[in-house]
Amino acid sequence: MPKTTAVQQQTARIEELIRKLEASADPGSLETARELVESLMALYGAGLDRLTEIVAAKGEAGLEILDELGRDELVGNLLAANGLHPLDLETRVRRALEKLRPRLRSQGSIELLGTDGGVIRLRVRPTGSGCGSSAGSLKSAVEEAMYEAAPDLVHLAIEVIEEQSASSGFVPLEKLVGLRVASNGAVNGNGAGL
């Protein structure tokens, strides 16, 4: 199980506080709290924008610094959330997948189907004996990596392709004995349609 980072912990705390406000605040106070948060975000976003402009103005050295800032978990997420990340969404997704693949190789494969308008489409193929938990854990790991690499994504669509494994040991009874079961429960022993 991957460890929870400080950024993930802080994000979870923010989400918890938002839910708490939504559940307990009167509509006027809730709107004021939203406006306050939006204003703070706009101020910090403007500050980050100006910061990246100043650093980028330093030429090649500045671009190297921006690249390093983009790789930092906290700063990279803040830059992405404000549309300022030095790498585009698709590049960040590809890098995250390259980093993730060796770690999850025993669980399955991951394929990038595309990124368009902030929508990331992926396909995962779990390996193993068709156990749903392996598909679930693979999907969860991919989701976590995508939201970490691309907090600015609009939608994450993960198609899970589960292949029936011949080694799972499950063979339907009908295949073993040539029986066909009709929808009414009647059984025909010769395999012909009922």
Protein backbone atom coordinates (compact mmCIF):
# COMPACT_ATOMS: atom_id res chain seq x y z
CA MET A 1 0.00 0.00 0.00
CA PRO A 2 1.53 3.34 -1.01
CA LYS A 3 2.22 5.76 1.83
CA THR A 4 0.06 8.84 2.18
CA THR A 5 2.09 11.95 1.44
CA ALA A 6 1.84 15.27 3.24
CA VAL A 7 0.15 16.76 0.18
CA GLN A 8 -2.45 13.98 0.14
CA GLN A 9 -3.04 14.41 3.87
CA GLN A 10 -3.50 18.17 3.51
CA THR A 11 -5.80 17.70 0.52
CA ALA A 12 -7.90 15.22 2.49
CA ARG A 13 -8.09 17.69 5.39
CA ILE A 14 -9.25 20.47 3.05
CA GLU A 15 -11.94 18.18 1.59
CA GLU A 16 -13.04 17.23 5.12
CA LEU A 17 -13.34 20.91 6.10
CA ILE A 18 -15.35 21.67 2.96
CA ARG A 19 -17.77 18.81 3.73
CA LYS A 20 -18.07 20.04 7.31
CA LEU A 21 -18.86 23.57 6.13
CA GLU A 22 -21.41 22.35 3.61
CA ALA A 23 -23.15 20.23 6.24
CA SER A 24 -23.34 22.82 9.00
CA ALA A 25 -23.21 26.32 7.58
CA ASP A 26 -26.17 28.43 6.72
CA PRO A 27 -26.32 29.32 3.01
CA GLY A 28 -25.02 32.88 3.54
CA SER A 29 -22.02 31.75 5.58
CA LEU A 30 -21.31 28.94 3.12
CA GLU A 31 -21.28 31.40 0.21
CA THR A 32 -18.96 33.74 2.15
CA ALA A 33 -16.61 30.83 2.90
CA ARG A 34 -16.59 29.84 -0.78
CA GLU A 35 -15.84 33.38 -1.85
CA LEU A 36 -13.03 33.61 0.72
CA VAL A 37 -11.44 30.38 -0.52
CA GLU A 38 -11.78 31.43 -4.18
CA SER A 39 -10.19 34.80 -3.40
CA LEU A 40 -7.29 33.18 -1.57
CA MET A 41 -6.80 30.71 -4.42
CA ALA A 42 -6.82 33.54 -6.97
CA LEU A 43 -4.23 35.49 -4.93
CA TYR A 44 -1.92 32.48 -4.59
CA GLY A 45 -2.45 31.61 -8.26
CA ALA A 46 -1.50 35.13 -9.32
CA GLY A 47 1.59 34.93 -7.09
CA LEU A 48 2.61 31.60 -8.62
CA ASP A 49 2.01 32.99 -12.11
CA ARG A 50 4.28 35.95 -11.43
CA LEU A 51 6.88 33.68 -9.84
CA THR A 52 7.01 31.44 -12.93
CA GLU A 53 7.31 34.53 -15.18
CA ILE A 54 10.28 35.82 -13.16
CA VAL A 55 12.02 32.43 -13.18
CA ALA A 56 11.33 31.79 -16.88
CA ALA A 57 12.81 35.21 -17.73
CA LYS A 58 16.21 33.89 -16.58
CA GLY A 59 16.56 31.88 -19.78
CA GLU A 60 17.83 28.30 -19.84
CA ALA A 61 18.70 28.29 -16.14
CA GLY A 62 15.19 29.50 -15.30
CA LEU A 63 13.60 26.81 -17.46
CA GLU A 64 15.67 24.17 -15.64
CA ILE A 65 14.42 25.54 -12.33
CA LEU A 66 10.82 25.45 -13.56
CA ASP A 67 11.30 21.85 -14.66
CA GLU A 68 12.65 20.96 -11.22
CA LEU A 69 9.74 22.77 -9.55
CA GLY A 70 7.33 20.85 -11.76
CA ARG A 71 8.82 17.55 -10.54
CA ASP A 72 8.37 18.50 -6.88
CA GLU A 73 5.22 16.88 -5.51
CA LEU A 74 3.86 19.92 -3.67
CA VAL A 75 4.97 22.69 -6.04
CA GLY A 76 4.15 20.65 -9.14
CA ASN A 77 0.60 20.07 -7.88
CA LEU A 78 0.15 23.76 -7.10
CA LEU A 79 1.46 24.74 -10.52
CA ALA A 80 -0.81 22.21 -12.25
CA ALA A 81 -3.86 23.28 -10.26
CA ASN A 82 -3.25 26.85 -11.42
CA GLY A 83 -2.57 25.96 -15.06
CA LEU A 84 1.12 26.85 -14.72
CA HIS A 85 2.89 23.50 -14.83
CA PRO A 86 5.86 23.56 -17.20
CA LEU A 87 4.73 20.26 -18.74
CA ASP A 88 1.45 19.71 -20.52
CA LEU A 89 -1.12 17.26 -19.15
CA GLU A 90 -0.29 14.45 -21.56
CA THR A 91 3.44 14.62 -20.82
CA ARG A 92 2.79 14.47 -17.08
CA VAL A 93 0.44 11.51 -17.55
CA ARG A 94 2.98 9.66 -19.71
CA ARG A 95 5.74 10.26 -17.14
CA ALA A 96 3.50 9.05 -14.32
CA LEU A 97 2.66 5.89 -16.29
CA GLU A 98 6.34 5.22 -17.03
CA LYS A 99 7.08 5.54 -13.32
CA LEU A 100 4.10 3.37 -12.36
CA ARG A 101 4.49 0.50 -14.84
CA PRO A 102 7.53 -1.22 -13.27
CA ARG A 103 5.91 -1.08 -9.82
CA LEU A 104 2.64 -2.61 -11.05
CA ARG A 105 4.01 -5.02 -13.68
CA SER A 106 3.02 -8.06 -11.61
CA GLN A 107 -0.55 -6.74 -11.24
CA GLY A 108 -1.21 -5.93 -14.88
CA SER A 109 -0.65 -3.53 -17.74
CA ILE A 110 -1.67 0.08 -18.30
CA GLU A 111 -2.30 1.74 -21.65
CA LEU A 112 -2.89 5.43 -22.34
CA LEU A 113 -5.76 5.72 -24.80
CA GLY A 114 -5.65 9.50 -24.96
CA THR A 115 -5.90 12.88 -23.34
CA ASP A 116 -8.28 15.44 -24.71
CA GLY A 117 -9.65 18.56 -23.07
CA GLY A 118 -8.45 17.51 -19.64
CA VAL A 119 -9.97 14.04 -19.98
CA ILE A 120 -7.54 11.16 -19.47
CA ARG A 121 -8.58 7.80 -20.91
CA LEU A 122 -6.70 4.69 -19.80
CA ARG A 123 -7.08 0.95 -20.20
CA VAL A 124 -5.85 -1.47 -17.54
CA ARG A 125 -5.54 -5.23 -17.91
CA PRO A 126 -5.11 -7.03 -14.59
CA THR A 127 -3.09 -10.23 -14.57
CA GLY A 128 -3.73 -13.20 -12.38
CA SER A 129 -6.64 -15.51 -11.93
CA GLY A 130 -9.45 -13.09 -12.61
CA CYS A 131 -9.62 -11.99 -9.00
CA GLY A 132 -11.64 -8.80 -8.75
CA SER A 133 -9.44 -7.50 -5.94
CA SER A 134 -6.39 -7.42 -8.24
CA ALA A 135 -8.38 -5.37 -10.76
CA GLY A 136 -9.55 -3.07 -7.99
CA SER A 137 -6.11 -2.56 -6.50
CA LEU A 138 -4.59 -1.97 -9.94
CA LYS A 139 -7.29 0.59 -10.77
CA SER A 140 -6.84 2.31 -7.39
CA ALA A 141 -3.08 2.58 -7.85
CA VAL A 142 -3.53 4.04 -11.33
CA GLU A 143 -6.16 6.53 -10.11
CA GLU A 144 -3.89 7.67 -7.28
CA ALA A 145 -0.95 8.16 -9.65
CA MET A 146 -3.05 10.09 -12.16
CA TYR A 147 -4.55 12.47 -9.60
CA GLU A 148 -1.09 13.03 -8.14
CA ALA A 149 0.50 13.74 -11.54
CA ALA A 150 -2.44 15.69 -12.95
CA PRO A 151 -4.55 17.37 -10.27
CA ASP A 152 -5.85 19.61 -13.04
CA LEU A 153 -7.48 16.76 -14.95
CA VAL A 154 -11.16 17.21 -15.72
CA HIS A 155 -12.17 13.53 -15.86
CA LEU A 156 -10.37 10.21 -15.49
CA ALA A 157 -11.86 7.29 -17.42
CA ILE A 158 -10.31 3.89 -16.73
CA GLU A 159 -11.47 0.93 -18.78
CA VAL A 160 -10.75 -2.37 -17.00
CA ILE A 161 -10.30 -5.36 -19.29
CA GLU A 162 -10.53 -8.55 -17.29
CA GLU A 163 -9.57 -11.62 -19.25
CA GLN A 164 -10.90 -15.01 -18.24
CA SER A 165 -7.93 -17.04 -17.19
CA ALA A 166 -7.78 -20.65 -18.25
CA SER A 167 -5.72 -21.33 -15.15
CA SER A 168 -8.43 -20.08 -12.81
CA GLY A 169 -9.85 -23.57 -12.58
CA PHE A 170 -13.43 -22.48 -13.25
CA VAL A 171 -15.11 -24.23 -16.13
CA PRO A 172 -18.86 -23.87 -16.52
CA LEU A 173 -20.74 -27.14 -15.94
CA GLU A 174 -22.33 -26.87 -19.38
CA LYS A 175 -18.90 -27.07 -21.03
CA LEU A 176 -17.89 -30.12 -19.02
CA VAL A 177 -20.91 -32.30 -19.76
CA GLY A 178 -22.44 -30.74 -22.85
CA LEU A 179 -25.58 -29.62 -21.02
CA ARG A 180 -27.63 -26.59 -21.96
CA VAL A 181 -29.81 -24.94 -19.39
CA ALA A 182 -32.86 -23.11 -20.68
CA SER A 183 -34.09 -19.92 -19.05
CA ASN A 184 -36.89 -21.93 -17.39
CA GLY A 185 -34.36 -24.26 -15.75
CA ALA A 186 -34.97 -27.23 -18.09
CA VAL A 187 -31.84 -29.19 -19.01
CA ASN A 188 -31.12 -30.73 -22.39
CA GLY A 189 -28.38 -33.36 -22.23
CA ASN A 190 -27.42 -33.39 -25.94
CA GLY A 191 -26.35 -29.73 -26.06
CA ALA A 192 -29.03 -28.90 -28.63
CA GLY A 193 -31.18 -25.82 -28.22
CA LEU A 194 -34.33 -26.18 -26.19
